[in-house]
Amino acid sequence: MAPATPARDPVQTLETALSAQQDRLLPCVHCGFCLPACPTYTRLGDEADSPRGRLHLMQAVVDGRLDPGSDAFRTHIDRCLGCRACEPVCPSGVEYGILLEHAREASIAATPPDLLTRGLLAIMESRVLRALFFTGGRVMRATRLAALGARLLPGRGVLGSARRGLAMLAGSVPWRVPRSSRGQPGREAGSSEDAGARRGTRVGVLTGCVQEGLYKRVNDATVRVLEANGFEVVQVSGQSCCGALHAHAGGLGGAKELARENIEAFERAGVDAVVVNAAGCGASMKQYGVLLEDDPAHAETAARFAEKVRDVDELLALVGPRRGAEVRCRVAYDHPCHLLHAQGIRDAPLQVLAAVPGLEVQPVENADECCGGAGIYGITHPDLGGRIGDDKVRAVQAAEADVVATPNPGCMMQIAAGLRLSGSSTGVVHPVELLDESYRRAEYYER
């Protein structure tokens, strides 16, 4: 039996991650470009709650001047949304998101996270627990117990977390196009022959955990839309949670195990592209090569795999989506952080929406700022996450739209929760759902 690989010291891991960035950190003159881009700094005004402040804390841990289990380190690292809005504006090119994950790994090694975080991560690691958890969630949603709890519970402390979580669950219900906004069904530009000739690419779709558990309709719409655009969609058995929630929380060991499962599953399926309809999952999977770079058995395969990952909007925009039938509707679009900042994808979802005749699409004000969801942040930080989310909700309401479109389940749930708690009836959808409705009206699907 091969000897067990010795566990890595999280502080040493953090030091290694920082050392690898020295060529980018050294030119940094603390210009402060990241400050106005950081949602926590703009709300709290504390330098320690800014990206450069957190980097300073990380360096203090590496230098031995600060204990990774101390409140001074843990509080400010934990408050970070991980939205990565600081990365595009950083002239030194600091890969903050990667460093944040290592910092959190060091923090939780010194002081375990709270029970809520540990419980949620444990659920996502187990197929059985995930199935039970989301089945229970769907029952609460269908019986309207989630909506009732969101109305009755107070908004502070532990009960505030429960209230926010129930509002997210209640807000995940499907949005139906109002009768007054329906256009006339019928075939528009494009044909099935055009789509079939366009691309014969073999793709597999990540079903995910939250997406499959609460937004299966988005997965189903994704498959239908891809097939209508000429892609061969194959089922990928053995896939699992992408590991994004674990990585964001500092559970890199769990994230690596989940990454290995997904790489092996999609490799067995022999797909040309791995299609993801959740921005957070896509950002995480595009970094599998970095996540597993110290794993000699998977490093090269992980790097190749990461190059195959495509957001569904990214892929559709690349080939040019077929136009469908008219859907008359006013849409407010909001950028998910992990699509815009982490993946650098801005226009693709808007191109997908442009393939739907009749839509009036308007990005919300400050659409590039985080909604406060950030994985499980909206639940674990109901006060600050709710404060950031309330600003997003006000921007959405100012757009006076029928529905909000945003291609990430965490953002969908956070925005829907905020709208519901404010008494708004505005719906929330994934852009591919509107394209799917347009195709249904155009009769692109076989009955």
Protein backbone atom coordinates (compact mmCIF):
# COMPACT_ATOMS: atom_id res chain seq x y z
CA MET A 1 0.00 0.00 0.00
CA ALA A 2 1.33 3.43 -0.96
CA PRO A 3 2.11 5.71 1.97
CA ALA A 4 -0.56 8.28 2.75
CA THR A 5 0.11 11.77 1.50
CA PRO A 6 0.86 13.98 4.50
CA ALA A 7 -1.75 16.62 5.21
CA ARG A 8 -0.70 20.09 4.15
CA ASP A 9 -0.50 22.83 6.74
CA PRO A 10 -3.17 25.37 5.71
CA VAL A 11 -0.90 28.24 6.70
CA GLN A 12 1.82 26.78 4.48
CA THR A 13 -0.79 26.42 1.72
CA LEU A 14 -1.64 30.10 2.06
CA GLU A 15 2.05 31.01 2.00
CA THR A 16 2.54 28.93 -1.16
CA ALA A 17 -0.43 30.59 -2.85
CA LEU A 18 0.88 34.05 -1.97
CA SER A 19 4.41 33.20 -3.03
CA ALA A 20 3.12 32.16 -6.45
CA GLN A 21 1.62 35.64 -6.77
CA GLN A 22 4.73 37.58 -5.76
CA ASP A 23 5.43 38.76 -9.29
CA ARG A 24 1.99 40.39 -9.28
CA LEU A 25 1.89 41.47 -5.66
CA LEU A 26 5.24 43.25 -5.65
CA PRO A 27 4.25 45.90 -8.26
CA CYS A 28 1.09 46.65 -6.25
CA VAL A 29 1.18 50.22 -4.94
CA HIS A 30 -2.07 49.87 -2.96
CA CYS A 31 -3.72 52.12 -5.53
CA GLY A 32 -7.16 51.49 -4.08
CA PHE A 33 -8.87 50.77 -7.42
CA CYS A 34 -10.45 47.78 -5.73
CA LEU A 35 -12.10 49.82 -2.98
CA PRO A 36 -15.11 51.23 -4.88
CA ALA A 37 -15.60 47.83 -6.56
CA CYS A 38 -15.91 45.99 -3.23
CA PRO A 39 -19.49 45.69 -1.92
CA THR A 40 -18.45 45.12 1.69
CA TYR A 41 -16.02 48.05 1.78
CA THR A 42 -18.56 50.45 0.25
CA ARG A 43 -21.09 49.43 2.93
CA LEU A 44 -18.84 49.15 5.96
CA GLY A 45 -16.06 51.64 5.17
CA ASP A 46 -13.50 49.45 6.94
CA GLU A 47 -10.14 49.01 5.23
CA ALA A 48 -9.95 45.48 6.63
CA ASP A 49 -13.14 44.70 4.69
CA SER A 50 -11.58 45.67 1.37
CA PRO A 51 -9.58 43.40 -0.96
CA ARG A 52 -6.25 45.08 -0.26
CA GLY A 53 -7.00 45.03 3.46
CA ARG A 54 -7.72 41.31 3.37
CA LEU A 55 -4.54 40.69 1.37
CA HIS A 56 -2.65 42.54 4.10
CA LEU A 57 -4.23 40.23 6.69
CA MET A 58 -3.24 37.17 4.65
CA GLN A 59 0.35 38.37 4.48
CA ALA A 60 0.33 38.92 8.24
CA VAL A 61 -0.66 35.25 8.72
CA VAL A 62 2.11 34.12 6.39
CA ASP A 63 4.63 36.28 8.27
CA GLY A 64 3.49 34.85 11.61
CA ARG A 65 2.24 38.22 12.85
CA LEU A 66 -1.39 37.10 12.98
CA ASP A 67 -3.08 33.89 14.08
CA PRO A 68 -5.38 32.48 11.34
CA GLY A 69 -7.87 31.56 14.08
CA SER A 70 -8.02 35.09 15.49
CA ASP A 71 -11.14 37.23 15.21
CA ALA A 72 -9.08 39.89 13.45
CA PHE A 73 -8.41 37.48 10.58
CA ARG A 74 -11.51 35.31 10.58
CA THR A 75 -14.11 38.09 10.76
CA HIS A 76 -12.87 40.07 7.77
CA ILE A 77 -12.05 37.05 5.60
CA ASP A 78 -15.47 35.59 6.38
CA ARG A 79 -17.27 38.83 5.47
CA CYS A 80 -15.91 38.74 1.92
CA LEU A 81 -18.55 37.84 -0.67
CA GLY A 82 -15.97 36.33 -2.99
CA CYS A 83 -17.62 38.22 -5.86
CA ARG A 84 -14.21 38.92 -7.43
CA ALA A 85 -15.24 42.37 -8.63
CA CYS A 86 -11.79 43.49 -7.49
CA GLU A 87 -9.97 41.33 -10.06
CA PRO A 88 -10.94 43.12 -13.31
CA VAL A 89 -10.02 46.53 -11.85
CA CYS A 90 -6.69 45.45 -10.35
CA PRO A 91 -3.79 46.77 -12.47
CA SER A 92 -1.44 44.22 -10.88
CA GLY A 93 -3.59 41.26 -11.88
CA VAL A 94 -3.80 39.76 -8.39
CA GLU A 95 -5.79 36.51 -8.48
CA TYR A 96 -7.74 37.40 -5.38
CA GLY A 97 -10.34 34.65 -5.63
CA ILE A 98 -7.76 31.87 -5.42
CA LEU A 99 -6.01 33.53 -2.49
CA LEU A 100 -9.32 33.99 -0.67
CA GLU A 101 -10.08 30.26 -0.86
CA HIS A 102 -6.67 29.40 0.62
CA ALA A 103 -7.15 32.03 3.32
CA ARG A 104 -10.46 30.49 4.30
CA GLU A 105 -8.89 27.05 4.33
CA ALA A 106 -6.33 28.34 6.83
CA SER A 107 -9.06 30.01 8.87
CA ILE A 108 -11.35 26.99 9.19
CA ALA A 109 -8.38 24.73 9.98
CA ALA A 110 -7.69 26.96 12.98
CA THR A 111 -11.32 27.52 13.94
CA PRO A 112 -14.07 25.31 12.44
CA PRO A 113 -16.90 27.20 10.73
CA ASP A 114 -20.34 27.54 12.29
CA LEU A 115 -22.76 24.63 12.42
CA LEU A 116 -24.93 26.02 9.60
CA THR A 117 -22.00 26.19 7.17
CA ARG A 118 -20.72 22.73 8.14
CA GLY A 119 -24.21 21.28 7.75
CA LEU A 120 -24.82 22.78 4.31
CA LEU A 121 -21.44 21.61 3.00
CA ALA A 122 -21.99 18.11 4.38
CA ILE A 123 -25.32 17.93 2.57
CA MET A 124 -23.78 18.97 -0.73
CA GLU A 125 -21.07 16.30 -0.47
CA SER A 126 -23.56 13.43 -0.12
CA ARG A 127 -25.89 12.35 -2.94
CA VAL A 128 -28.31 10.85 -0.43
CA LEU A 129 -28.40 13.92 1.82
CA ARG A 130 -28.73 16.21 -1.20
CA ALA A 131 -31.71 14.23 -2.47
CA LEU A 132 -33.43 14.31 0.91
CA PHE A 133 -32.66 18.00 1.46
CA PHE A 134 -34.00 19.19 -1.87
CA THR A 135 -36.99 16.86 -1.78
CA GLY A 136 -37.93 18.43 1.54
CA GLY A 137 -37.36 21.87 0.04
CA ARG A 138 -39.65 21.18 -2.91
CA VAL A 139 -42.36 19.90 -0.54
CA MET A 140 -42.11 23.07 1.57
CA ARG A 141 -42.25 25.17 -1.59
CA ALA A 142 -45.24 23.32 -3.02
CA THR A 143 -47.22 23.45 0.24
CA ARG A 144 -46.35 27.16 0.68
CA LEU A 145 -44.86 26.49 4.11
CA ALA A 146 -41.70 28.26 2.95
CA ALA A 147 -43.67 31.36 1.96
CA LEU A 148 -45.53 31.34 5.27
CA GLY A 149 -42.31 31.05 7.29
CA ALA A 150 -40.70 33.87 5.32
CA ARG A 151 -43.62 36.13 6.23
CA LEU A 152 -43.78 35.24 9.90
CA LEU A 153 -40.18 34.92 11.07
CA PRO A 154 -38.19 37.97 12.29
CA GLY A 155 -35.33 39.23 10.16
CA ARG A 156 -32.49 39.20 12.73
CA GLY A 157 -30.07 36.65 14.15
CA VAL A 158 -30.51 32.91 13.65
CA LEU A 159 -34.15 33.33 12.73
CA GLY A 160 -33.09 35.95 10.20
CA SER A 161 -31.00 33.30 8.46
CA ALA A 162 -33.98 30.94 8.48
CA ARG A 163 -36.26 33.66 7.13
CA ARG A 164 -33.89 34.50 4.30
CA GLY A 165 -33.47 30.82 3.43
CA LEU A 166 -37.23 30.24 3.38
CA ALA A 167 -37.75 33.33 1.22
CA MET A 168 -35.13 31.98 -1.21
CA LEU A 169 -36.94 28.66 -1.34
CA ALA A 170 -40.34 30.29 -1.81
CA GLY A 171 -38.90 32.54 -4.53
CA SER A 172 -37.63 29.61 -6.59
CA VAL A 173 -41.10 28.86 -7.96
CA PRO A 174 -41.46 29.05 -11.76
CA TRP A 175 -42.46 32.38 -13.26
CA ARG A 176 -45.30 32.27 -15.74
CA VAL A 177 -45.54 34.79 -18.56
CA PRO A 178 -48.59 36.94 -17.80
CA ARG A 179 -51.41 36.48 -20.32
CA SER A 180 -51.34 40.20 -21.15
CA SER A 181 -47.68 39.97 -22.23
CA ARG A 182 -48.03 36.93 -24.47
CA GLY A 183 -47.24 37.41 -28.13
CA GLN A 184 -48.62 35.36 -30.98
CA PRO A 185 -47.10 31.88 -31.30
CA GLY A 186 -45.67 30.91 -34.66
CA ARG A 187 -42.49 30.04 -36.51
CA GLU A 188 -40.01 32.86 -36.95
CA ALA A 189 -36.46 33.10 -38.32
CA GLY A 190 -34.44 29.90 -38.56
CA SER A 191 -35.37 26.28 -39.14
CA SER A 192 -34.53 22.90 -37.70
CA GLU A 193 -32.40 22.18 -40.79
CA ASP A 194 -30.35 25.34 -40.20
CA ALA A 195 -29.79 24.42 -36.57
CA GLY A 196 -28.86 20.83 -37.39
CA ALA A 197 -26.25 21.97 -39.89
CA ARG A 198 -24.86 24.59 -37.54
CA ARG A 199 -23.15 22.42 -34.94
CA GLY A 200 -22.75 18.67 -34.36
CA THR A 201 -20.88 19.17 -31.12
CA ARG A 202 -21.37 16.50 -28.45
CA VAL A 203 -22.00 18.18 -25.11
CA GLY A 204 -22.80 17.14 -21.54
CA VAL A 205 -24.75 19.40 -19.17
CA LEU A 206 -23.80 19.79 -15.52
CA THR A 207 -27.02 19.10 -13.62
CA GLY A 208 -25.58 20.50 -10.38
CA CYS A 209 -27.00 20.37 -6.86
CA VAL A 210 -29.14 23.48 -6.30
CA GLN A 211 -29.96 23.67 -10.01
CA GLU A 212 -31.24 20.10 -10.22
CA GLY A 213 -32.79 20.24 -6.76
CA LEU A 214 -34.80 23.47 -7.15
CA TYR A 215 -34.43 24.60 -10.77
CA LYS A 216 -34.72 21.38 -12.74
CA ARG A 217 -36.83 23.35 -15.20
CA VAL A 218 -33.70 25.34 -16.11
CA ASN A 219 -31.74 22.13 -16.76
CA ASP A 220 -34.59 20.79 -18.91
CA ALA A 221 -34.83 24.08 -20.83
CA THR A 222 -31.06 24.04 -21.35
CA VAL A 223 -31.17 20.61 -22.96
CA ARG A 224 -34.09 21.54 -25.23
CA VAL A 225 -32.50 24.83 -26.33
CA LEU A 226 -29.13 23.19 -27.04
CA GLU A 227 -30.75 20.47 -29.12
CA ALA A 228 -32.80 23.06 -31.01
CA ASN A 229 -29.49 24.73 -31.87
CA GLY A 230 -27.98 21.57 -33.31
CA PHE A 231 -25.98 20.24 -30.35
CA GLU A 232 -25.95 16.57 -29.44
CA VAL A 233 -26.69 16.46 -25.71
CA VAL A 234 -25.68 13.29 -23.88
CA GLN A 235 -26.52 12.29 -20.32
CA VAL A 236 -23.50 12.19 -18.02
CA SER A 237 -23.90 9.66 -15.23
CA GLY A 238 -21.80 9.79 -12.08
CA GLN A 239 -21.48 13.60 -12.02
CA SER A 240 -21.75 15.45 -8.73
CA CYS A 241 -21.85 18.87 -7.09
CA CYS A 242 -19.23 21.11 -8.71
CA GLY A 243 -17.57 21.94 -5.38
CA ALA A 244 -17.92 25.71 -5.68
CA LEU A 245 -19.63 26.11 -2.31
CA HIS A 246 -16.87 24.09 -0.64
CA ALA A 247 -14.08 26.06 -2.30
CA HIS A 248 -15.67 29.41 -1.40
CA ALA A 249 -15.99 28.29 2.22
CA GLY A 250 -12.38 27.07 2.42
CA GLY A 251 -13.23 23.36 2.21
CA LEU A 252 -10.71 22.73 -0.55
CA GLY A 253 -10.37 19.04 0.31
CA GLY A 254 -14.07 18.45 -0.36
CA ALA A 255 -13.95 20.64 -3.48
CA LYS A 256 -11.10 18.54 -4.89
CA GLU A 257 -12.93 15.27 -4.31
CA LEU A 258 -16.01 16.59 -6.09
CA ALA A 259 -13.88 17.94 -8.93
CA ARG A 260 -12.28 14.53 -9.47
CA GLU A 261 -15.72 12.89 -9.60
CA ASN A 262 -16.92 15.33 -12.25
CA ILE A 263 -13.78 15.12 -14.36
CA GLU A 264 -13.98 11.34 -14.44
CA ALA A 265 -17.72 11.35 -15.22
CA PHE A 266 -17.49 13.78 -18.13
CA GLU A 267 -14.34 12.13 -19.47
CA ARG A 268 -16.16 8.77 -19.56
CA ALA A 269 -18.99 10.41 -21.49
CA GLY A 270 -16.55 11.60 -24.16
CA VAL A 271 -18.03 15.08 -24.60
CA ASP A 272 -16.54 17.92 -26.60
CA ALA A 273 -17.85 20.55 -24.20
CA VAL A 274 -19.10 20.68 -20.61
CA VAL A 275 -22.09 23.03 -20.55
CA VAL A 276 -22.97 24.81 -17.32
CA ASN A 277 -26.04 26.98 -16.71
CA ALA A 278 -24.96 28.20 -13.25
CA ALA A 279 -22.36 30.98 -13.25
CA GLY A 280 -20.84 30.00 -9.90
CA CYS A 281 -20.44 26.39 -10.99
CA GLY A 282 -18.93 27.40 -14.31
CA ALA A 283 -16.38 29.68 -12.68
CA SER A 284 -15.36 26.93 -10.28
CA MET A 285 -15.08 24.27 -13.00
CA LYS A 286 -13.02 26.56 -15.22
CA GLN A 287 -10.51 26.62 -12.35
CA TYR A 288 -10.29 22.86 -11.84
CA GLY A 289 -6.81 23.02 -13.34
CA VAL A 290 -5.72 25.40 -10.58
CA LEU A 291 -7.61 23.51 -7.88
CA LEU A 292 -5.87 20.22 -8.76
CA GLU A 293 -2.51 21.57 -9.87
CA ASP A 294 -0.77 19.81 -6.96
CA ASP A 295 -2.46 16.47 -7.73
CA PRO A 296 -0.07 14.57 -10.04
CA ALA A 297 -2.73 12.02 -11.00
CA HIS A 298 -5.26 14.63 -12.13
CA ALA A 299 -3.41 17.90 -12.84
CA GLU A 300 -3.09 17.55 -16.63
CA THR A 301 -6.55 16.06 -17.08
CA ALA A 302 -8.07 18.81 -14.91
CA ALA A 303 -6.40 21.52 -17.00
CA ARG A 304 -7.74 19.99 -20.23
CA PHE A 305 -11.17 19.56 -18.67
CA ALA A 306 -11.30 23.20 -17.58
CA GLU A 307 -10.76 24.28 -21.18
CA LYS A 308 -13.90 22.39 -22.21
CA VAL A 309 -16.21 24.17 -19.75
CA ARG A 310 -18.64 26.63 -21.32
CA ASP A 311 -21.49 28.61 -19.87
CA VAL A 312 -24.66 27.86 -21.84
CA ASP A 313 -25.06 31.53 -22.80
CA GLU A 314 -21.41 31.65 -23.84
CA LEU A 315 -21.83 28.62 -26.11
CA LEU A 316 -25.09 29.82 -27.65
CA ALA A 317 -23.64 33.27 -28.33
CA LEU A 318 -20.61 31.64 -29.96
CA VAL A 319 -22.74 29.87 -32.59
CA GLY A 320 -25.48 32.48 -32.74
CA PRO A 321 -28.76 31.25 -31.20
CA ARG A 322 -31.76 30.61 -33.44
CA ARG A 323 -34.48 33.21 -33.20
CA GLY A 324 -37.80 32.01 -31.88
CA ALA A 325 -41.34 33.31 -31.71
CA GLU A 326 -42.39 36.55 -30.05
CA VAL A 327 -42.59 36.88 -26.27
CA ARG A 328 -43.70 40.39 -25.31
CA CYS A 329 -42.17 41.14 -21.94
CA ARG A 330 -40.06 43.77 -20.16
CA VAL A 331 -36.92 42.15 -18.73
CA ALA A 332 -34.43 43.55 -16.21
CA TYR A 333 -31.07 41.82 -16.65
CA ASP A 334 -28.54 41.44 -13.82
CA HIS A 335 -24.97 40.16 -14.18
CA PRO A 336 -23.95 37.25 -11.92
CA CYS A 337 -20.56 38.08 -10.41
CA HIS A 338 -19.06 34.72 -11.30
CA LEU A 339 -20.09 35.12 -14.92
CA LEU A 340 -19.03 38.74 -15.34
CA HIS A 341 -16.01 39.09 -13.04
CA ALA A 342 -14.72 35.51 -12.79
CA GLN A 343 -15.42 34.32 -16.34
CA GLY A 344 -15.31 37.66 -18.13
CA ILE A 345 -18.64 37.05 -19.88
CA ARG A 346 -20.74 40.19 -20.26
CA ASP A 347 -22.62 40.22 -23.56
CA ALA A 348 -23.46 36.54 -24.17
CA PRO A 349 -26.65 36.42 -22.02
CA LEU A 350 -27.86 39.62 -23.67
CA GLN A 351 -27.26 38.03 -27.10
CA VAL A 352 -29.36 35.05 -26.00
CA LEU A 353 -32.18 37.35 -24.89
CA ALA A 354 -31.88 39.26 -28.18
CA ALA A 355 -32.87 36.03 -29.99
CA VAL A 356 -36.35 36.37 -28.46
CA PRO A 357 -38.48 38.80 -30.49
CA GLY A 358 -40.64 41.07 -28.40
CA LEU A 359 -38.43 41.23 -25.31
CA GLU A 360 -37.57 44.68 -23.99
CA VAL A 361 -34.31 44.12 -22.12
CA GLN A 362 -32.71 46.63 -19.77
CA PRO A 363 -29.70 45.91 -17.51
CA VAL A 364 -30.47 47.08 -13.98
CA GLU A 365 -28.53 49.98 -12.49
CA ASN A 366 -25.21 48.76 -11.05
CA ALA A 367 -25.82 45.38 -12.66
CA ASP A 368 -22.13 44.56 -12.18
CA GLU A 369 -22.41 44.67 -8.36
CA CYS A 370 -23.04 41.56 -6.28
CA CYS A 371 -26.61 40.81 -5.17
CA GLY A 372 -25.43 39.59 -1.75
CA GLY A 373 -26.24 35.92 -2.42
CA ALA A 374 -22.68 34.66 -2.98
CA GLY A 375 -23.35 30.95 -2.55
CA ILE A 376 -24.56 30.51 1.04
CA TYR A 377 -23.55 34.04 2.10
CA GLY A 378 -27.12 35.32 1.94
CA ILE A 379 -28.08 32.73 4.56
CA THR A 380 -24.97 32.83 6.76
CA HIS A 381 -24.82 36.66 6.68
CA PRO A 382 -28.49 37.69 6.54
CA ASP A 383 -27.82 41.22 7.80
CA LEU A 384 -24.98 42.32 5.50
CA GLY A 385 -26.07 40.03 2.66
CA GLY A 386 -29.61 41.32 3.05
CA ARG A 387 -28.41 44.93 3.05
CA ILE A 388 -26.54 44.40 -0.21
CA GLY A 389 -29.48 42.44 -1.58
CA ASP A 390 -31.91 45.21 -0.71
CA ASP A 391 -29.91 47.64 -2.84
CA LYS A 392 -30.15 45.18 -5.73
CA VAL A 393 -33.89 44.80 -5.23
CA ARG A 394 -34.37 48.58 -5.32
CA ALA A 395 -32.43 48.70 -8.60
CA VAL A 396 -34.59 45.93 -10.01
CA GLN A 397 -37.79 47.67 -8.96
CA ALA A 398 -36.60 50.90 -10.54
CA ALA A 399 -36.43 49.09 -13.89
CA GLU A 400 -40.20 48.47 -13.68
CA ALA A 401 -39.82 45.11 -15.39
CA ASP A 402 -42.12 42.10 -15.54
CA VAL A 403 -39.27 39.75 -14.74
CA VAL A 404 -35.57 39.69 -13.81
CA ALA A 405 -33.22 37.48 -15.83
CA THR A 406 -29.92 36.34 -14.31
CA PRO A 407 -28.02 33.15 -15.20
CA ASN A 408 -27.11 31.77 -11.77
CA PRO A 409 -29.33 29.95 -9.23
CA GLY A 410 -27.79 31.68 -6.21
CA CYS A 411 -28.53 35.09 -7.72
CA MET A 412 -32.00 33.98 -8.76
CA MET A 413 -32.78 32.87 -5.20
CA GLN A 414 -31.27 35.95 -3.52
CA ILE A 415 -33.04 38.44 -5.78
CA ALA A 416 -36.31 36.51 -5.63
CA ALA A 417 -36.09 36.42 -1.83
CA GLY A 418 -35.53 40.17 -1.64
CA LEU A 419 -38.40 40.87 -4.01
CA ARG A 420 -40.71 38.58 -2.08
CA LEU A 421 -39.77 40.10 1.29
CA SER A 422 -40.42 43.58 -0.14
CA GLY A 423 -43.87 42.55 -1.34
CA SER A 424 -43.02 42.66 -5.05
CA SER A 425 -44.54 40.20 -7.53
CA THR A 426 -41.73 40.56 -10.08
CA GLY A 427 -40.55 37.14 -11.26
CA VAL A 428 -36.99 35.82 -11.68
CA VAL A 429 -35.81 33.56 -14.51
CA HIS A 430 -32.70 32.24 -16.22
CA PRO A 431 -32.27 33.75 -19.73
CA VAL A 432 -32.44 30.28 -21.27
CA GLU A 433 -35.98 29.91 -19.89
CA LEU A 434 -37.17 32.84 -22.00
CA LEU A 435 -35.45 31.44 -25.09
CA ASP A 436 -37.03 28.06 -24.35
CA GLU A 437 -40.50 29.66 -24.16
CA SER A 438 -39.82 31.43 -27.45
CA TYR A 439 -38.84 28.12 -29.10
CA ARG A 440 -41.91 26.40 -27.68
CA ARG A 441 -44.12 29.03 -29.29
CA ALA A 442 -42.20 28.69 -32.54
CA GLU A 443 -42.96 24.96 -32.41
CA TYR A 444 -39.32 23.96 -32.64
CA TYR A 445 -39.94 21.05 -30.28
CA GLU A 446 -41.60 17.81 -31.24
CA ARG A 447 -44.88 17.25 -29.46
